[in-house]
PDB file of N, CA and C in Angstrom:
ATOM      1  N   UNK A   1       0.725  -1.316  -0.104  1.00  0.00           N
ATOM      2  CA  UNK A   1       0.534   0.359  -0.032  1.00  0.00           C
ATOM      3  C   UNK A   1       0.823   1.353   0.078  1.00  0.00           C
ATOM      4  N   UNK A   2       0.599   2.342  -1.340  1.00  0.00           N
ATOM      5  CA  UNK A   2       1.391   3.691  -1.169  1.00  0.00           C
ATOM      6  C   UNK A   2       0.589   4.371  -0.318  1.00  0.00           C
ATOM      7  N   UNK A   3       1.886   5.591   0.204  1.00  0.00           N
ATOM      8  CA  UNK A   3       1.007   6.152   0.646  1.00  0.00           C
ATOM      9  C   UNK A   3       0.418   7.494   0.513  1.00  0.00           C
ATOM     10  N   UNK A   4      -1.123   7.779   1.050  1.00  0.00           N
ATOM     11  CA  UNK A   4      -1.105   9.270   0.501  1.00  0.00           C
ATOM     12  C   UNK A   4      -0.845  10.445   0.716  1.00  0.00           C
ATOM     13  N   UNK A   5      -0.516  10.970  -0.274  1.00  0.00           N
ATOM     14  CA  UNK A   5      -0.199  12.563  -0.040  1.00  0.00           C
ATOM     15  C   UNK A   5      -1.036  13.977  -0.104  1.00  0.00           C
ATOM     16  N   UNK A   6      -1.591  14.486   1.132  1.00  0.00           N
ATOM     17  CA  UNK A   6      -2.331  15.160   1.138  1.00  0.00           C
ATOM     18  C   UNK A   6      -2.298  16.294   1.514  1.00  0.00           C
ATOM     19  N   UNK A   7      -2.090  17.523   0.667  1.00  0.00           N
ATOM     20  CA  UNK A   7      -1.859  18.875   0.654  1.00  0.00           C
ATOM     21  C   UNK A   7      -2.855  19.913   0.666  1.00  0.00           C
ATOM     22  N   UNK A   8      -2.431  20.847   1.620  1.00  0.00           N
ATOM     23  CA  UNK A   8      -3.921  22.199   2.111  1.00  0.00           C
ATOM     24  C   UNK A   8      -3.248  23.402   2.120  1.00  0.00           C
ATOM     25  N   UNK A   9      -3.945  23.753   0.816  1.00  0.00           N
ATOM     26  CA  UNK A   9      -3.464  25.095   0.335  1.00  0.00           C
ATOM     27  C   UNK A   9      -4.021  26.489   1.955  1.00  0.00           C
ATOM     28  N   UNK A  10      -2.624  26.884   1.962  1.00  0.00           N
ATOM     29  CA  UNK A  10      -2.422  28.268   2.083  1.00  0.00           C
ATOM     30  C   UNK A  10      -2.220  29.643   2.330  1.00  0.00           C
ATOM     31  N   UNK A  11      -2.424  29.233   0.538  1.00  0.00           N
ATOM     32  CA  UNK A  11      -2.771  30.685   0.479  1.00  0.00           C
ATOM     33  C   UNK A  11      -4.270  31.842   0.775  1.00  0.00           C
ATOM     34  N   UNK A  12      -3.886  32.953  -0.101  1.00  0.00           N
ATOM     35  CA  UNK A  12      -4.611  33.616   0.465  1.00  0.00           C
ATOM     36  C   UNK A  12      -6.054  33.682   0.558  1.00  0.00           C
ATOM     37  N   UNK A  13      -6.459  33.555  -0.750  1.00  0.00           N
ATOM     38  CA  UNK A  13      -7.802  33.215  -1.488  1.00  0.00           C
ATOM     39  C   UNK A  13      -8.353  32.239  -0.594  1.00  0.00           C
ATOM     40  N   UNK A  14      -7.653  30.828  -1.310  1.00  0.00           N
ATOM     41  CA  UNK A  14      -7.963  29.695  -0.091  1.00  0.00           C
ATOM     42  C   UNK A  14      -8.429  29.978   1.594  1.00  0.00           C
ATOM     43  N   UNK A  15      -7.237  30.838   1.936  1.00  0.00           N
ATOM     44  CA  UNK A  15      -7.728  31.027   3.914  1.00  0.00           C
ATOM     45  C   UNK A  15      -8.218  31.514   3.914  1.00  0.00           C
ATOM     46  N   UNK A  16      -8.365  32.789   2.679  1.00  0.00           N
ATOM     47  CA  UNK A  16      -9.988  33.044   3.151  1.00  0.00           C
ATOM     48  C   UNK A  16     -11.399  32.918   3.556  1.00  0.00           C
ATOM     49  N   UNK A  17     -11.562  32.216   2.131  1.00  0.00           N
ATOM     50  CA  UNK A  17     -12.863  31.234   2.350  1.00  0.00           C
ATOM     51  C   UNK A  17     -13.279  30.276   2.419  1.00  0.00           C
ATOM     52  N   UNK A  18     -12.152  30.206   3.554  1.00  0.00           N
ATOM     53  CA  UNK A  18     -11.985  28.735   4.875  1.00  0.00           C
ATOM     54  C   UNK A  18     -11.353  27.937   4.625  1.00  0.00           C
ATOM     55  N   UNK A  19     -10.457  27.662   4.751  1.00  0.00           N
ATOM     56  CA  UNK A  19      -8.906  26.782   4.241  1.00  0.00           C
ATOM     57  C   UNK A  19      -8.513  27.445   5.799  1.00  0.00           C
ATOM     58  N   UNK A  20      -8.318  28.436   6.887  1.00  0.00           N
ATOM     59  CA  UNK A  20      -8.123  28.813   8.429  1.00  0.00           C
ATOM     60  C   UNK A  20      -8.651  26.964   8.604  1.00  0.00           C
ATOM     61  N   UNK A  21      -9.553  27.021   8.452  1.00  0.00           N
ATOM     62  CA  UNK A  21     -10.303  25.944   9.174  1.00  0.00           C
ATOM     63  C   UNK A  21      -9.980  24.594   8.603  1.00  0.00           C
ATOM     64  N   UNK A  22      -8.607  24.399   7.702  1.00  0.00           N
ATOM     65  CA  UNK A  22      -8.314  22.746   7.053  1.00  0.00           C
ATOM     66  C   UNK A  22      -6.980  22.434   7.200  1.00  0.00           C
ATOM     67  N   UNK A  23      -6.651  23.549   9.227  1.00  0.00           N
ATOM     68  CA  UNK A  23      -5.819  23.755   9.695  1.00  0.00           C
ATOM     69  C   UNK A  23      -4.997  22.467  10.750  1.00  0.00           C
ATOM     70  N   UNK A  24      -6.613  22.272  11.312  1.00  0.00           N
ATOM     71  CA  UNK A  24      -6.492  20.615  11.801  1.00  0.00           C
ATOM     72  C   UNK A  24      -6.437  19.908  11.453  1.00  0.00           C
ATOM     73  N   UNK A  25      -7.207  19.722   9.374  1.00  0.00           N
ATOM     74  CA  UNK A  25      -6.051  18.465   9.161  1.00  0.00           C
ATOM     75  C   UNK A  25      -4.696  17.585   9.890  1.00  0.00           C
ATOM     76  N   UNK A  26      -4.091  19.104   9.538  1.00  0.00           N
ATOM     77  CA  UNK A  26      -2.515  18.614  10.193  1.00  0.00           C
ATOM     78  C   UNK A  26      -2.183  18.009  11.336  1.00  0.00           C
ATOM     79  N   UNK A  27      -4.025  18.402  11.991  1.00  0.00           N
ATOM     80  CA  UNK A  27      -2.701  17.381  13.747  1.00  0.00           C
ATOM     81  C   UNK A  27      -3.573  16.434  13.347  1.00  0.00           C
ATOM     82  N   UNK A  28      -5.300  16.224  12.744  1.00  0.00           N
ATOM     83  CA  UNK A  28      -6.089  15.071  12.875  1.00  0.00           C
ATOM     84  C   UNK A  28      -5.718  13.683  11.990  1.00  0.00           C
ATOM     85  N   UNK A  29      -5.112  14.020  11.048  1.00  0.00           N
ATOM     86  CA  UNK A  29      -4.593  13.197   9.985  1.00  0.00           C
ATOM     87  C   UNK A  29      -3.454  12.679  10.603  1.00  0.00           C
ATOM     88  N   UNK A  30      -2.223  13.031  11.446  1.00  0.00           N
ATOM     89  CA  UNK A  30      -1.606  11.540  11.435  1.00  0.00           C
ATOM     90  C   UNK A  30      -2.201  10.990  12.550  1.00  0.00           C
ATOM     91  N   UNK A  31      -3.013  11.678  13.707  1.00  0.00           N
ATOM     92  CA  UNK A  31      -3.291  10.601  15.106  1.00  0.00           C
ATOM     93  C   UNK A  31      -3.800  10.235  14.755  1.00  0.00           C
ATOM     94  N   UNK A  32      -5.174  10.124  13.126  1.00  0.00           N
ATOM     95  CA  UNK A  32      -6.171   9.055  13.188  1.00  0.00           C
ATOM     96  C   UNK A  32      -5.211   8.252  12.331  1.00  0.00           C
ATOM     97  N   UNK A  33      -4.267   8.548  11.442  1.00  0.00           N
ATOM     98  CA  UNK A  33      -3.556   7.585   9.849  1.00  0.00           C
ATOM     99  C   UNK A  33      -2.546   7.009   9.845  1.00  0.00           C
ATOM    100  N   UNK A  34      -1.799   7.172  10.535  1.00  0.00           N
ATOM    101  CA  UNK A  34      -0.390   7.158  11.220  1.00  0.00           C
ATOM    102  C   UNK A  34       0.391   7.818   9.359  1.00  0.00           C
ATOM    103  N   UNK A  35       1.356   6.710   9.289  1.00  0.00           N
ATOM    104  CA  UNK A  35       2.374   6.991   8.692  1.00  0.00           C
ATOM    105  C   UNK A  35       1.752   6.251   7.477  1.00  0.00           C
ATOM    106  N   UNK A  36       0.468   5.900   6.782  1.00  0.00           N
ATOM    107  CA  UNK A  36      -0.541   5.977   6.132  1.00  0.00           C
ATOM    108  C   UNK A  36      -0.741   6.593   4.949  1.00  0.00           C
ATOM    109  N   UNK A  37      -1.123   8.108   5.495  1.00  0.00           N
ATOM    110  CA  UNK A  37      -0.697   9.619   4.982  1.00  0.00           C
ATOM    111  C   UNK A  37      -0.401  10.586   5.213  1.00  0.00           C
ATOM    112  N   UNK A  38       0.903  11.472   4.504  1.00  0.00           N
ATOM    113  CA  UNK A  38       1.912  12.001   4.804  1.00  0.00           C
ATOM    114  C   UNK A  38       0.790  13.712   4.572  1.00  0.00           C
ATOM    115  N   UNK A  39       0.634  14.778   5.200  1.00  0.00           N
ATOM    116  CA  UNK A  39       0.092  15.518   5.294  1.00  0.00           C
ATOM    117  C   UNK A  39       0.967  16.838   5.034  1.00  0.00           C
ATOM    118  N   UNK A  40       0.218  17.912   4.188  1.00  0.00           N
ATOM    119  CA  UNK A  40       1.673  19.433   4.792  1.00  0.00           C
ATOM    120  C   UNK A  40       0.690  20.451   4.151  1.00  0.00           C
ATOM    121  N   UNK A  41       1.020  21.376   4.920  1.00  0.00           N
ATOM    122  CA  UNK A  41       0.426  22.757   3.835  1.00  0.00           C
ATOM    123  C   UNK A  41       1.241  22.996   2.877  1.00  0.00           C
ATOM    124  N   UNK A  42       0.577  23.786   2.093  1.00  0.00           N
ATOM    125  CA  UNK A  42       1.271  24.237   0.734  1.00  0.00           C
ATOM    126  C   UNK A  42       0.702  25.738   0.830  1.00  0.00           C
ATOM    127  N   UNK A  43       1.384  26.302   0.159  1.00  0.00           N
ATOM    128  CA  UNK A  43       1.779  27.677  -0.057  1.00  0.00           C
ATOM    129  C   UNK A  43       0.580  28.299  -1.224  1.00  0.00           C
ATOM    130  N   UNK A  44       1.102  27.213  -1.980  1.00  0.00           N
ATOM    131  CA  UNK A  44      -0.913  28.100  -3.145  1.00  0.00           C
ATOM    132  C   UNK A  44      -0.650  26.296  -3.586  1.00  0.00           C
ATOM    133  N   UNK A  45      -1.936  26.474  -3.857  1.00  0.00           N
ATOM    134  CA  UNK A  45      -1.066  24.701  -5.230  1.00  0.00           C
ATOM    135  C   UNK A  45      -2.300  25.527  -6.641  1.00  0.00           C
ATOM    136  N   UNK A  46      -1.410  26.833  -6.598  1.00  0.00           N
ATOM    137  CA  UNK A  46      -2.885  27.103  -8.360  1.00  0.00           C
ATOM    138  C   UNK A  46      -4.125  27.232  -8.523  1.00  0.00           C
ATOM    139  N   UNK A  47      -4.186  26.795  -8.109  1.00  0.00           N
ATOM    140  CA  UNK A  47      -5.772  26.513  -8.192  1.00  0.00           C
ATOM    141  C   UNK A  47      -7.067  27.361  -9.228  1.00  0.00           C
ATOM    142  N   UNK A  48      -7.205  28.506  -7.883  1.00  0.00           N
ATOM    143  CA  UNK A  48      -7.613  29.861  -8.705  1.00  0.00           C
ATOM    144  C   UNK A  48      -7.354  30.816  -9.281  1.00  0.00           C
ATOM    145  N   UNK A  49      -5.920  30.454  -9.971  1.00  0.00           N
ATOM    146  CA  UNK A  49      -5.935  30.683 -11.290  1.00  0.00           C
ATOM    147  C   UNK A  49      -6.299  30.290 -12.064  1.00  0.00           C
ATOM    148  N   UNK A  50      -6.242  29.391 -12.416  1.00  0.00           N
ATOM    149  CA  UNK A  50      -6.252  28.912 -13.522  1.00  0.00           C
ATOM    150  C   UNK A  50      -7.676  28.720 -14.392  1.00  0.00           C
ATOM    151  N   UNK A  51      -8.883  29.121 -13.008  1.00  0.00           N
ATOM    152  CA  UNK A  51     -10.251  29.683 -14.106  1.00  0.00           C
ATOM    153  C   UNK A  51     -11.299  30.594 -12.680  1.00  0.00           C
ATOM    154  N   UNK A  52      -9.874  31.381 -11.926  1.00  0.00           N
ATOM    155  CA  UNK A  52     -10.621  32.898 -11.188  1.00  0.00           C
ATOM    156  C   UNK A  52     -12.515  33.066 -11.067  1.00  0.00           C
ATOM    157  N   UNK A  53     -12.397  33.144 -12.121  1.00  0.00           N
ATOM    158  CA  UNK A  53     -14.345  33.272 -12.014  1.00  0.00           C
ATOM    159  C   UNK A  53     -14.611  32.273 -11.768  1.00  0.00           C
ATOM    160  N   UNK A  54     -14.912  31.109 -12.136  1.00  0.00           N
ATOM    161  CA  UNK A  54     -15.227  29.355 -10.617  1.00  0.00           C
ATOM    162  C   UNK A  54     -14.446  29.279  -9.756  1.00  0.00           C
ATOM    163  N   UNK A  55     -13.626  29.605  -9.248  1.00  0.00           N
ATOM    164  CA  UNK A  55     -13.381  29.722  -8.160  1.00  0.00           C
ATOM    165  C   UNK A  55     -14.265  29.423  -6.821  1.00  0.00           C
ATOM    166  N   UNK A  56     -13.678  27.529  -6.709  1.00  0.00           N
ATOM    167  CA  UNK A  56     -14.736  26.890  -5.143  1.00  0.00           C
ATOM    168  C   UNK A  56     -13.467  27.090  -4.506  1.00  0.00           C
ATOM    169  N   UNK A  57     -12.232  27.997  -4.300  1.00  0.00           N
ATOM    170  CA  UNK A  57     -11.619  27.862  -2.868  1.00  0.00           C
ATOM    171  C   UNK A  57     -12.634  27.082  -1.572  1.00  0.00           C
ATOM    172  N   UNK A  58     -11.959  27.465  -0.641  1.00  0.00           N
ATOM    173  CA  UNK A  58     -11.039  26.043  -0.350  1.00  0.00           C
ATOM    174  C   UNK A  58     -10.015  25.308  -1.115  1.00  0.00           C
ATOM    175  N   UNK A  59      -9.219  24.353  -1.442  1.00  0.00           N
ATOM    176  CA  UNK A  59      -8.724  23.410  -2.164  1.00  0.00           C
ATOM    177  C   UNK A  59      -8.101  22.629  -1.765  1.00  0.00           C
ATOM    178  N   UNK A  60      -8.062  21.483  -1.698  1.00  0.00           N
ATOM    179  CA  UNK A  60      -6.792  20.464  -0.445  1.00  0.00           C
ATOM    180  C   UNK A  60      -6.837  19.647  -2.390  1.00  0.00           C
ATOM    181  N   UNK A  61      -5.766  19.124  -2.660  1.00  0.00           N
ATOM    182  CA  UNK A  61      -4.999  17.548  -3.396  1.00  0.00           C
ATOM    183  C   UNK A  61      -5.053  16.278  -1.651  1.00  0.00           C
ATOM    184  N   UNK A  62      -5.705  15.786  -2.625  1.00  0.00           N
ATOM    185  CA  UNK A  62      -5.882  14.676  -1.967  1.00  0.00           C
ATOM    186  C   UNK A  62      -4.628  13.544  -3.125  1.00  0.00           C
ATOM    187  N   UNK A  63      -3.878  13.009  -3.109  1.00  0.00           N
ATOM    188  CA  UNK A  63      -2.710  13.058  -4.143  1.00  0.00           C
ATOM    189  C   UNK A  63      -3.279  13.543  -5.322  1.00  0.00           C
ATOM    190  N   UNK A  64      -3.429  12.898  -6.313  1.00  0.00           N
ATOM    191  CA  UNK A  64      -3.950  13.714  -7.745  1.00  0.00           C
ATOM    192  C   UNK A  64      -4.938  14.231  -7.450  1.00  0.00           C
ATOM    193  N   UNK A  65      -6.191  14.023  -6.754  1.00  0.00           N
ATOM    194  CA  UNK A  65      -7.811  14.560  -6.693  1.00  0.00           C
ATOM    195  C   UNK A  65      -7.950  15.253  -5.998  1.00  0.00           C
ATOM    196  N   UNK A  66      -8.345  16.471  -6.585  1.00  0.00           N
ATOM    197  CA  UNK A  66      -8.388  18.467  -6.582  1.00  0.00           C
ATOM    198  C   UNK A  66      -9.796  18.374  -5.381  1.00  0.00           C
ATOM    199  N   UNK A  67     -10.076  18.123  -4.513  1.00  0.00           N
ATOM    200  CA  UNK A  67     -10.806  18.753  -3.519  1.00  0.00           C
ATOM    201  C   UNK A  67     -12.105  20.800  -3.286  1.00  0.00           C
ATOM    202  N   UNK A  68     -12.465  20.522  -3.992  1.00  0.00           N
ATOM    203  CA  UNK A  68     -12.811  21.865  -4.141  1.00  0.00           C
ATOM    204  C   UNK A  68     -13.892  22.403  -2.898  1.00  0.00           C
ATOM    205  N   UNK A  69     -13.881  24.061  -2.334  1.00  0.00           N
ATOM    206  CA  UNK A  69     -14.224  23.805  -1.384  1.00  0.00           C
ATOM    207  C   UNK A  69     -14.042  23.398   0.081  1.00  0.00           C
ATOM    208  N   UNK A  70     -12.810  22.929  -0.254  1.00  0.00           N
ATOM    209  CA  UNK A  70     -12.974  21.542   0.619  1.00  0.00           C
ATOM    210  C   UNK A  70     -13.440  22.082   2.818  1.00  0.00           C
ATOM    211  N   UNK A  71     -13.860  21.041   3.266  1.00  0.00           N
ATOM    212  CA  UNK A  71     -14.062  21.088   4.280  1.00  0.00           C
ATOM    213  C   UNK A  71     -12.872  20.077   4.815  1.00  0.00           C
ATOM    214  N   UNK A  72     -13.346  19.878   6.123  1.00  0.00           N
ATOM    215  CA  UNK A  72     -12.511  18.750   6.794  1.00  0.00           C
ATOM    216  C   UNK A  72     -12.537  17.781   6.926  1.00  0.00           C
ATOM    217  N   UNK A  73     -14.321  17.820   6.857  1.00  0.00           N
ATOM    218  CA  UNK A  73     -15.417  15.943   6.160  1.00  0.00           C
ATOM    219  C   UNK A  73     -15.131  15.574   5.121  1.00  0.00           C
ATOM    220  N   UNK A  74     -14.525  16.361   3.998  1.00  0.00           N
ATOM    221  CA  UNK A  74     -14.738  16.111   3.186  1.00  0.00           C
ATOM    222  C   UNK A  74     -13.034  15.683   2.681  1.00  0.00           C
ATOM    223  N   UNK A  75     -12.014  15.791   3.388  1.00  0.00           N
ATOM    224  CA  UNK A  75     -11.236  15.092   3.152  1.00  0.00           C
ATOM    225  C   UNK A  75     -11.073  14.204   3.901  1.00  0.00           C
ATOM    226  N   UNK A  76     -11.333  13.706   4.881  1.00  0.00           N
ATOM    227  CA  UNK A  76     -11.260  12.365   5.790  1.00  0.00           C
ATOM    228  C   UNK A  76     -11.820  11.478   4.897  1.00  0.00           C
ATOM    229  N   UNK A  77     -13.064  12.246   4.604  1.00  0.00           N
ATOM    230  CA  UNK A  77     -14.370  11.518   3.506  1.00  0.00           C
ATOM    231  C   UNK A  77     -13.198  10.757   1.802  1.00  0.00           C
ATOM    232  N   UNK A  78     -12.630  11.699   1.544  1.00  0.00           N
ATOM    233  CA  UNK A  78     -12.027  11.039   0.775  1.00  0.00           C
ATOM    234  C   UNK A  78     -10.826  10.155   1.153  1.00  0.00           C
ATOM    235  N   UNK A  79     -10.198  10.030   2.029  1.00  0.00           N
ATOM    236  CA  UNK A  79      -9.373   9.763   2.452  1.00  0.00           C
ATOM    237  C   UNK A  79      -9.971   7.714   2.867  1.00  0.00           C
ATOM    238  N   UNK A  80     -10.832   8.436   3.686  1.00  0.00           N
ATOM    239  CA  UNK A  80     -11.340   6.505   4.010  1.00  0.00           C
ATOM    240  C   UNK A  80     -11.560   5.636   2.904  1.00  0.00           C
ATOM    241  N   UNK A  81     -11.803   6.560   1.746  1.00  0.00           N
ATOM    242  CA  UNK A  81     -11.943   5.712   0.465  1.00  0.00           C
ATOM    243  C   UNK A  81     -11.369   5.135   0.156  1.00  0.00           C
ATOM    244  N   UNK A  82     -10.421   5.916  -0.413  1.00  0.00           N
ATOM    245  CA  UNK A  82      -9.114   5.748  -1.319  1.00  0.00           C
ATOM    246  C   UNK A  82      -8.292   4.817   0.282  1.00  0.00           C
ATOM    247  N   UNK A  83      -8.148   4.657   1.800  1.00  0.00           N
ATOM    248  CA  UNK A  83      -7.828   3.727   1.960  1.00  0.00           C
ATOM    249  C   UNK A  83      -9.053   2.281   2.195  1.00  0.00           C
ATOM    250  N   UNK A  84      -9.661   2.636   1.667  1.00  0.00           N
ATOM    251  CA  UNK A  84     -10.732   1.247   1.636  1.00  0.00           C
ATOM    252  C   UNK A  84     -10.700   0.648   0.192  1.00  0.00           C
ATOM    253  N   UNK A  85     -10.336   1.691  -0.927  1.00  0.00           N
ATOM    254  CA  UNK A  85     -10.701   1.314  -2.078  1.00  0.00           C
ATOM    255  C   UNK A  85      -8.740   0.432  -1.650  1.00  0.00           C
ATOM    256  N   UNK A  86      -7.939   0.279  -1.673  1.00  0.00           N
ATOM    257  CA  UNK A  86      -6.170   0.081  -1.063  1.00  0.00           C
ATOM    258  C   UNK A  86      -6.629  -1.632  -1.081  1.00  0.00           C
ATOM    259  N   UNK A  87      -7.523  -1.839   0.387  1.00  0.00           N
ATOM    260  CA  UNK A  87      -7.440  -2.746   0.996  1.00  0.00           C
ATOM    261  C   UNK A  87      -7.644  -3.891   0.066  1.00  0.00           C
TER     262      UNK A  87
END
């Protein structure tokens, strides 16, 4: 089983649009999943700049999947799905 990588965008737009709440993922994920999941903050995932008019910040990247309008619950759900699929 390969590690899941989670990147939490901490760029200004994401932070203002609710990303400040996502900082708790940096504490929750290691406690819940141990060494199965790596989590880190990112200064910017550059997703807002792709189509600013349709921005769905905040963003989190789980492996190659982008979670738009991310919440702690959405991110944990995606991780659970990925871990379940690898069993």
